[in-house]
Structures are given as C-alpha cells and as structure tokens.
N, C-alpha and C. Protein backbone atom coordinates (compact mmCIF):
# COMPACT_ATOMS: atom_id res chain seq x y z
N UNK A 1 -49.03 18.09 134.99
CA UNK A 1 -48.67 19.48 135.26
C UNK A 1 -47.34 19.57 136.00
N UNK A 2 -46.81 20.79 136.04
CA UNK A 2 -45.52 21.01 136.69
C UNK A 2 -45.73 21.48 138.13
N UNK A 3 -44.73 21.21 138.94
CA UNK A 3 -44.74 21.71 140.32
C UNK A 3 -43.76 22.88 140.40
N UNK A 4 -43.72 23.52 141.57
CA UNK A 4 -42.82 24.66 141.75
C UNK A 4 -41.36 24.24 141.69
N UNK A 5 -41.08 22.98 142.02
CA UNK A 5 -39.69 22.53 142.07
C UNK A 5 -39.15 22.17 140.68
N UNK A 6 -40.04 21.94 139.71
CA UNK A 6 -39.60 21.53 138.37
C UNK A 6 -38.84 22.66 137.68
N UNK A 7 -37.87 22.27 136.86
CA UNK A 7 -37.13 23.23 136.06
C UNK A 7 -37.91 23.46 134.76
N UNK A 8 -38.42 24.65 134.58
CA UNK A 8 -39.29 24.96 133.45
C UNK A 8 -38.55 24.79 132.12
N UNK A 9 -37.25 25.04 132.12
CA UNK A 9 -36.50 25.00 130.86
C UNK A 9 -36.49 23.62 130.23
N UNK A 10 -36.66 22.58 131.05
CA UNK A 10 -36.64 21.22 130.51
C UNK A 10 -37.95 20.86 129.80
N UNK A 11 -39.01 21.62 130.03
CA UNK A 11 -40.32 21.28 129.49
C UNK A 11 -40.77 22.21 128.36
N UNK A 12 -39.85 23.02 127.85
CA UNK A 12 -40.19 23.94 126.77
C UNK A 12 -40.38 23.16 125.47
N UNK A 13 -41.37 23.56 124.70
CA UNK A 13 -41.62 22.90 123.41
C UNK A 13 -40.61 23.45 122.41
N UNK A 14 -39.82 22.54 121.85
CA UNK A 14 -38.80 22.94 120.89
C UNK A 14 -39.21 22.49 119.49
N UNK A 15 -38.76 23.24 118.48
CA UNK A 15 -39.03 22.82 117.10
C UNK A 15 -37.72 22.69 116.35
N UNK A 16 -37.67 21.75 115.47
CA UNK A 16 -36.45 21.50 114.71
C UNK A 16 -36.44 22.38 113.47
N UNK A 17 -35.29 23.00 113.21
CA UNK A 17 -35.14 23.88 112.06
C UNK A 17 -34.10 23.29 111.12
N UNK A 18 -34.46 23.22 109.85
CA UNK A 18 -33.52 22.74 108.84
C UNK A 18 -32.74 23.95 108.33
N UNK A 19 -31.41 23.92 108.41
CA UNK A 19 -30.62 25.05 107.91
C UNK A 19 -30.73 25.15 106.39
N UNK A 20 -30.52 26.36 105.86
CA UNK A 20 -30.60 26.57 104.41
C UNK A 20 -29.49 25.82 103.70
N UNK A 21 -28.35 25.78 104.38
CA UNK A 21 -27.23 25.02 103.82
C UNK A 21 -27.46 23.55 104.18
N UNK A 22 -27.59 22.69 103.20
CA UNK A 22 -27.92 21.28 103.43
C UNK A 22 -26.80 20.53 104.13
N UNK A 23 -25.58 21.05 104.11
CA UNK A 23 -24.44 20.35 104.72
C UNK A 23 -24.49 20.44 106.25
N UNK A 24 -25.11 21.50 106.76
CA UNK A 24 -25.15 21.68 108.22
C UNK A 24 -26.23 20.81 108.84
N UNK A 25 -26.03 20.52 110.16
CA UNK A 25 -26.99 19.68 110.87
C UNK A 25 -28.23 20.50 111.26
N UNK A 26 -29.40 19.86 111.36
CA UNK A 26 -30.58 20.59 111.83
C UNK A 26 -30.43 20.94 113.32
N UNK A 27 -31.06 22.05 113.71
CA UNK A 27 -30.98 22.48 115.11
C UNK A 27 -32.39 22.78 115.61
N UNK A 28 -32.50 22.98 116.95
CA UNK A 28 -33.82 23.24 117.53
C UNK A 28 -33.91 24.67 118.02
N UNK A 29 -35.12 25.20 117.97
CA UNK A 29 -35.39 26.55 118.47
C UNK A 29 -36.50 26.46 119.51
N UNK A 30 -36.44 27.34 120.50
CA UNK A 30 -37.45 27.36 121.55
C UNK A 30 -37.80 28.81 121.87
N UNK A 31 -39.03 29.08 122.31
CA UNK A 31 -39.39 30.46 122.68
C UNK A 31 -38.70 30.87 123.98
N UNK A 32 -38.62 32.19 124.18
CA UNK A 32 -38.06 32.70 125.43
C UNK A 32 -38.97 32.32 126.58
N UNK A 33 -38.37 32.09 127.72
CA UNK A 33 -39.14 31.71 128.91
C UNK A 33 -39.36 32.96 129.75
N UNK A 34 -40.60 33.20 130.11
CA UNK A 34 -40.89 34.34 130.97
C UNK A 34 -40.44 34.03 132.39
N UNK A 35 -40.12 35.08 133.12
CA UNK A 35 -39.72 34.89 134.51
C UNK A 35 -40.91 34.47 135.33
N UNK A 36 -40.66 33.61 136.29
CA UNK A 36 -41.74 33.12 137.14
C UNK A 36 -42.05 34.11 138.25
N UNK A 37 -43.31 34.21 138.61
CA UNK A 37 -43.72 35.05 139.73
C UNK A 37 -43.63 34.19 140.98
N UNK A 38 -42.57 34.41 141.74
CA UNK A 38 -42.34 33.63 142.95
C UNK A 38 -42.58 34.52 144.17
N UNK A 39 -42.72 33.94 145.34
CA UNK A 39 -42.90 34.75 146.55
C UNK A 39 -41.75 35.74 146.76
N UNK A 40 -40.54 35.34 146.40
CA UNK A 40 -39.38 36.24 146.57
C UNK A 40 -39.51 37.45 145.65
N UNK A 41 -39.96 37.20 144.42
CA UNK A 41 -40.13 38.30 143.47
C UNK A 41 -41.18 39.28 143.98
N UNK A 42 -42.30 38.75 144.48
CA UNK A 42 -43.36 39.61 145.01
C UNK A 42 -42.88 40.40 146.22
N UNK A 43 -42.09 39.74 147.08
CA UNK A 43 -41.56 40.41 148.27
C UNK A 43 -40.64 41.55 147.85
N UNK A 44 -39.79 41.31 146.86
CA UNK A 44 -38.87 42.34 146.38
C UNK A 44 -39.65 43.52 145.82
N UNK A 45 -40.69 43.21 145.07
CA UNK A 45 -41.52 44.26 144.47
C UNK A 45 -42.16 45.13 145.56
N UNK A 46 -42.71 44.46 146.59
CA UNK A 46 -43.31 45.20 147.71
C UNK A 46 -42.28 46.09 148.38
N UNK A 47 -41.09 45.54 148.59
CA UNK A 47 -40.02 46.27 149.26
C UNK A 47 -39.64 47.52 148.47
N UNK A 48 -39.49 47.37 147.17
CA UNK A 48 -39.10 48.50 146.32
C UNK A 48 -40.19 49.57 146.33
N UNK A 49 -41.46 49.14 146.26
CA UNK A 49 -42.56 50.11 146.30
C UNK A 49 -42.58 50.86 147.63
N UNK A 50 -42.34 50.13 148.74
CA UNK A 50 -42.30 50.78 150.05
C UNK A 50 -41.17 51.79 150.13
N UNK A 51 -40.00 51.42 149.58
CA UNK A 51 -38.88 52.36 149.56
C UNK A 51 -39.26 53.63 148.80
N UNK A 52 -39.90 53.43 147.66
CA UNK A 52 -40.31 54.56 146.82
C UNK A 52 -41.25 55.49 147.59
N UNK A 53 -42.24 54.89 148.28
CA UNK A 53 -43.21 55.68 149.05
C UNK A 53 -42.50 56.45 150.16
N UNK A 54 -41.59 55.75 150.86
CA UNK A 54 -40.88 56.39 151.97
C UNK A 54 -40.05 57.57 151.46
N UNK A 55 -39.38 57.38 150.32
CA UNK A 55 -38.58 58.46 149.75
C UNK A 55 -39.46 59.66 149.39
N UNK A 56 -40.63 59.38 148.84
CA UNK A 56 -41.55 60.47 148.45
C UNK A 56 -41.99 61.24 149.69
N UNK A 57 -42.32 60.52 150.77
CA UNK A 57 -42.73 61.18 152.01
C UNK A 57 -41.60 62.03 152.57
N UNK A 58 -40.38 61.47 152.58
CA UNK A 58 -39.23 62.22 153.10
C UNK A 58 -38.99 63.47 152.26
N UNK A 59 -39.15 63.34 150.95
CA UNK A 59 -38.94 64.50 150.07
C UNK A 59 -39.97 65.58 150.37
N UNK A 60 -41.22 65.18 150.60
CA UNK A 60 -42.27 66.16 150.92
C UNK A 60 -41.96 66.88 152.22
N UNK A 61 -41.54 66.11 153.23
CA UNK A 61 -41.20 66.73 154.52
C UNK A 61 -40.04 67.70 154.37
N UNK A 62 -39.03 67.29 153.61
CA UNK A 62 -37.87 68.15 153.39
C UNK A 62 -38.29 69.42 152.65
N UNK A 63 -39.22 69.28 151.71
CA UNK A 63 -39.68 70.44 150.95
C UNK A 63 -40.40 71.42 151.87
N UNK A 64 -41.22 70.90 152.77
CA UNK A 64 -41.95 71.76 153.71
C UNK A 64 -40.95 72.52 154.59
N UNK A 65 -39.96 71.79 155.11
CA UNK A 65 -38.94 72.43 155.95
C UNK A 65 -38.20 73.51 155.18
N UNK A 66 -37.83 73.19 153.93
CA UNK A 66 -37.07 74.13 153.12
C UNK A 66 -37.88 75.39 152.82
N UNK A 67 -39.18 75.21 152.52
CA UNK A 67 -40.03 76.37 152.24
C UNK A 67 -40.16 77.25 153.48
N UNK A 68 -40.26 76.61 154.64
CA UNK A 68 -40.34 77.38 155.89
C UNK A 68 -39.05 78.19 156.09
N UNK A 69 -37.91 77.55 155.84
CA UNK A 69 -36.62 78.22 155.97
C UNK A 69 -36.53 79.40 155.01
N UNK A 70 -36.95 79.18 153.76
CA UNK A 70 -36.92 80.26 152.77
C UNK A 70 -37.81 81.42 153.20
N UNK A 71 -39.01 81.11 153.68
CA UNK A 71 -39.94 82.15 154.11
C UNK A 71 -39.32 82.96 155.25
N UNK A 72 -38.68 82.26 156.17
CA UNK A 72 -38.04 82.92 157.31
C UNK A 72 -36.94 83.86 156.82
N UNK A 73 -36.12 83.38 155.88
CA UNK A 73 -35.03 84.21 155.35
C UNK A 73 -35.56 85.42 154.60
N UNK A 74 -36.62 85.22 153.82
CA UNK A 74 -37.21 86.34 153.07
C UNK A 74 -37.75 87.38 154.05
N UNK A 75 -38.40 86.90 155.11
CA UNK A 75 -38.96 87.81 156.12
C UNK A 75 -37.84 88.60 156.80
N UNK A 76 -36.75 87.90 157.15
CA UNK A 76 -35.62 88.58 157.79
C UNK A 76 -35.02 89.62 156.86
N UNK A 77 -34.88 89.27 155.58
CA UNK A 77 -34.31 90.21 154.61
C UNK A 77 -35.20 91.44 154.47
N UNK A 78 -36.52 91.23 154.46
CA UNK A 78 -37.46 92.35 154.34
C UNK A 78 -37.35 93.24 155.57
N UNK A 79 -37.25 92.63 156.75
CA UNK A 79 -37.11 93.41 157.99
C UNK A 79 -35.83 94.23 157.96
N UNK A 80 -34.76 93.61 157.48
CA UNK A 80 -33.48 94.29 157.39
C UNK A 80 -33.58 95.51 156.46
N UNK A 81 -34.23 95.28 155.30
CA UNK A 81 -34.39 96.38 154.34
C UNK A 81 -35.21 97.52 154.95
N UNK A 82 -36.30 97.15 155.62
CA UNK A 82 -37.15 98.19 156.21
C UNK A 82 -36.40 98.93 157.32
N UNK A 83 -35.58 98.21 158.05
CA UNK A 83 -34.78 98.84 159.11
C UNK A 83 -33.80 99.85 158.52
N UNK A 84 -33.14 99.44 157.43
CA UNK A 84 -32.19 100.34 156.76
C UNK A 84 -32.93 101.57 156.22
N UNK A 85 -34.11 101.33 155.65
CA UNK A 85 -34.92 102.43 155.12
C UNK A 85 -35.27 103.42 156.23
N UNK A 86 -35.66 102.87 157.39
CA UNK A 86 -36.02 103.72 158.53
C UNK A 86 -34.83 104.57 158.95
N UNK A 87 -33.66 103.91 159.03
CA UNK A 87 -32.46 104.63 159.46
C UNK A 87 -32.14 105.76 158.49
N UNK A 88 -32.24 105.45 157.20
CA UNK A 88 -31.95 106.47 156.19
C UNK A 88 -32.94 107.63 156.30
N UNK A 89 -34.20 107.28 156.47
CA UNK A 89 -35.24 108.32 156.56
C UNK A 89 -35.00 109.20 157.78
N UNK A 90 -34.67 108.57 158.91
CA UNK A 90 -34.46 109.35 160.14
C UNK A 90 -33.20 110.21 160.01
N UNK A 91 -32.17 109.71 159.34
CA UNK A 91 -30.95 110.50 159.19
C UNK A 91 -31.19 111.66 158.23
N UNK A 92 -32.05 111.47 157.24
CA UNK A 92 -32.38 112.57 156.31
C UNK A 92 -33.15 113.66 157.04
N UNK A 93 -34.06 113.28 157.94
CA UNK A 93 -34.85 114.26 158.68
C UNK A 93 -33.95 115.09 159.60
N UNK A 94 -32.92 114.45 160.16
CA UNK A 94 -32.03 115.16 161.08
C UNK A 94 -31.17 116.16 160.32
N UNK A 95 -30.78 115.82 159.11
CA UNK A 95 -29.86 116.66 158.34
C UNK A 95 -30.52 117.84 157.70
C-alpha cells in the first residue's frame, strides 16, 4: 500500500495504445487522478464554510438594522404629512 508521502502519480496504472498510423510509436494513457483529501484541504473547507456562515449572519443583522431605519423614516414621513394636514386644516378653519 501507499503512504501519505508517496507520489500517487508514479503508481497510476497505465495502458499502452497503438496509434492508427503504424509509423508512429505506441504511447501510454492513464486515468485522471482525483485530488487527495488532506488535512489542509479539510481545514480550507471548514474555513470557507465559516466565512460563509459569518457573512450570512452579518447580512441578517444589516437587514434588521436597515428595516428599522426604513420603518423610522416611514414613521417620520407620516408624522410630517399629518402635521402638514393639521396646519392646512387649521388655516382653512381660520379663513
């Protein structure tokens, strides 16, 4: 069996292919090698997932803040409109 230090590419099973043109030399073909699952790869994966989670949490917090700001602005605009309406109504009564 292989150890972690062995180079996997040296142990790939290769097959010899005869070219259609008889003048050319035969060559070998080998399957693609899958990437190894190493501790570094797993660590990177964990890190990326944590970043993703953190970004999602930050986005949620920002959304809550933004909705609060919007609600505040809508409320202020409504108060302003009602104030203007009151002023108009009172000025109409005086006239």
